[in-house]
Amino acid sequence: MLSTAQWSTIRDLVAWLDSNNGRSQEEITLRILKITEETGEVAQAWIGVVGQNPRKGVTHTIADLQGEMVDVMVTVAVALASVTDDPAAVVDEKLAQIAAARLNSATPTT
């Protein structure tokens, strides 16, 4: 999902957080909770794109939405890299499981 260079950047972000905040159980918890915060910002951006709130109208662009989605991806990657030494392998393994399950469910039985 992420390139080698992107995972390197994620590792740098984790190291930066570790040097500033440590890597206690509380810190890991906060990194995981940050995912929820960022996800809420995606929802807020989509509501703003479609103008669902009549009091506010259209407040966001698709580019804003895309940026918020990337923030979620980065936040998840940082949290994952904070709990495993090989986050890319974890992603690859899980993605393979998801693909296999999808392919198995799409195969008609005879």
Protein backbone atom coordinates (compact mmCIF):
# COMPACT_ATOMS: atom_id res chain seq x y z
CA MET A 1 0.00 0.00 0.00
CA LEU A 2 2.75 2.40 0.92
CA SER A 3 6.06 2.53 -0.89
CA THR A 4 9.38 1.85 0.83
CA ALA A 5 10.05 5.61 0.90
CA GLN A 6 6.64 6.28 2.43
CA TRP A 7 7.19 3.65 5.15
CA SER A 8 10.56 5.31 5.82
CA THR A 9 8.75 8.60 6.38
CA ILE A 10 6.29 6.84 8.70
CA ARG A 11 9.21 5.39 10.70
CA ASP A 12 10.69 8.89 10.94
CA LEU A 13 7.38 10.22 12.26
CA VAL A 14 7.22 7.41 14.84
CA ALA A 15 10.79 8.16 15.92
CA TRP A 16 9.93 11.85 16.24
CA LEU A 17 6.87 11.05 18.36
CA ASP A 18 8.86 8.58 20.45
CA SER A 19 11.58 11.15 21.12
CA ASN A 20 9.02 13.75 22.19
CA ASN A 21 6.38 11.60 23.91
CA GLY A 22 7.97 8.23 24.58
CA ARG A 23 6.21 4.99 23.71
CA SER A 24 4.31 4.13 26.85
CA GLN A 25 1.03 2.27 26.80
CA GLU A 26 -0.71 5.62 27.32
CA GLU A 27 1.10 7.12 24.33
CA ILE A 28 0.17 4.16 22.12
CA THR A 29 -3.45 4.56 23.28
CA LEU A 30 -3.39 8.21 22.26
CA ARG A 31 -1.93 7.37 18.85
CA ILE A 32 -4.76 4.89 18.33
CA LEU A 33 -7.39 7.38 19.52
CA LYS A 34 -5.96 9.92 17.07
CA ILE A 35 -7.31 7.68 14.30
CA THR A 36 -10.85 8.39 15.51
CA GLU A 37 -10.20 12.13 15.59
CA GLU A 38 -8.88 12.12 12.04
CA THR A 39 -11.79 9.94 10.84
CA GLY A 40 -14.19 12.50 12.28
CA GLU A 41 -12.45 15.15 10.21
CA VAL A 42 -13.08 13.07 7.08
CA ALA A 43 -16.78 12.93 7.95
CA GLN A 44 -16.82 16.67 8.61
CA ALA A 45 -15.15 17.34 5.25
CA TRP A 46 -17.65 15.16 3.36
CA ILE A 47 -20.56 16.92 5.08
CA GLY A 48 -18.94 20.16 3.99
CA VAL A 49 -18.46 18.95 0.41
CA VAL A 50 -22.12 18.01 -0.03
CA GLY A 51 -23.40 21.00 1.95
CA GLN A 52 -25.49 18.76 4.20
CA ASN A 53 -25.65 21.33 6.99
CA PRO A 54 -28.06 24.01 5.69
CA ARG A 55 -26.78 26.51 8.24
CA LYS A 56 -23.23 26.27 6.88
CA GLY A 57 -23.70 25.20 3.26
CA VAL A 58 -20.73 23.96 1.24
CA THR A 59 -17.62 24.47 3.36
CA HIS A 60 -15.10 21.98 1.95
CA THR A 61 -13.70 20.92 -1.39
CA ILE A 62 -12.91 17.45 -2.68
CA ALA A 63 -9.23 18.37 -2.20
CA ASP A 64 -9.98 19.07 1.48
CA LEU A 65 -11.67 15.65 1.74
CA GLN A 66 -8.74 13.93 0.05
CA GLY A 67 -6.28 15.62 2.41
CA GLU A 68 -8.28 14.47 5.43
CA MET A 69 -8.36 10.92 4.06
CA VAL A 70 -4.58 10.94 3.71
CA ASP A 71 -4.33 12.22 7.28
CA VAL A 72 -6.26 9.10 8.35
CA MET A 73 -3.94 6.85 6.37
CA VAL A 74 -0.83 8.44 7.87
CA THR A 75 -2.28 8.32 11.38
CA VAL A 76 -3.15 4.63 11.01
CA ALA A 77 0.29 3.88 9.60
CA VAL A 78 1.99 5.69 12.49
CA ALA A 79 -0.13 3.83 15.04
CA LEU A 80 0.57 0.51 13.32
CA ALA A 81 4.30 1.22 13.14
CA SER A 82 4.17 2.00 16.85
CA VAL A 83 3.04 -1.55 17.68
CA THR A 84 5.06 -3.63 15.20
CA ASP A 85 8.56 -3.57 13.78
CA ASP A 86 7.33 -4.54 10.30
CA PRO A 87 4.10 -2.67 9.56
CA ALA A 88 4.42 -3.24 5.80
CA ALA A 89 4.39 -7.02 6.33
CA VAL A 90 1.34 -6.72 8.58
CA VAL A 91 -0.50 -4.72 5.91
CA ASP A 92 0.55 -7.12 3.15
CA GLU A 93 -0.59 -10.16 5.13
CA LYS A 94 -3.95 -8.64 6.04
CA LEU A 95 -4.56 -7.38 2.52
CA ALA A 96 -3.84 -10.88 1.17
CA GLN A 97 -6.34 -12.33 3.66
CA ILE A 98 -8.99 -9.81 2.63
CA ALA A 99 -8.38 -10.48 -1.07
CA ALA A 100 -8.51 -14.24 -0.57
CA ALA A 101 -11.75 -14.00 1.39
CA ARG A 102 -13.25 -11.76 -1.29
CA LEU A 103 -12.19 -14.09 -4.08
CA ASN A 104 -13.52 -17.10 -2.19
CA SER A 105 -16.89 -15.42 -1.60
CA ALA A 106 -17.14 -14.45 -5.29
CA THR A 107 -16.60 -17.99 -6.54
CA PRO A 108 -19.94 -19.64 -7.30
CA THR A 109 -20.47 -23.06 -5.82
CA THR A 110 -21.57 -25.88 -8.10
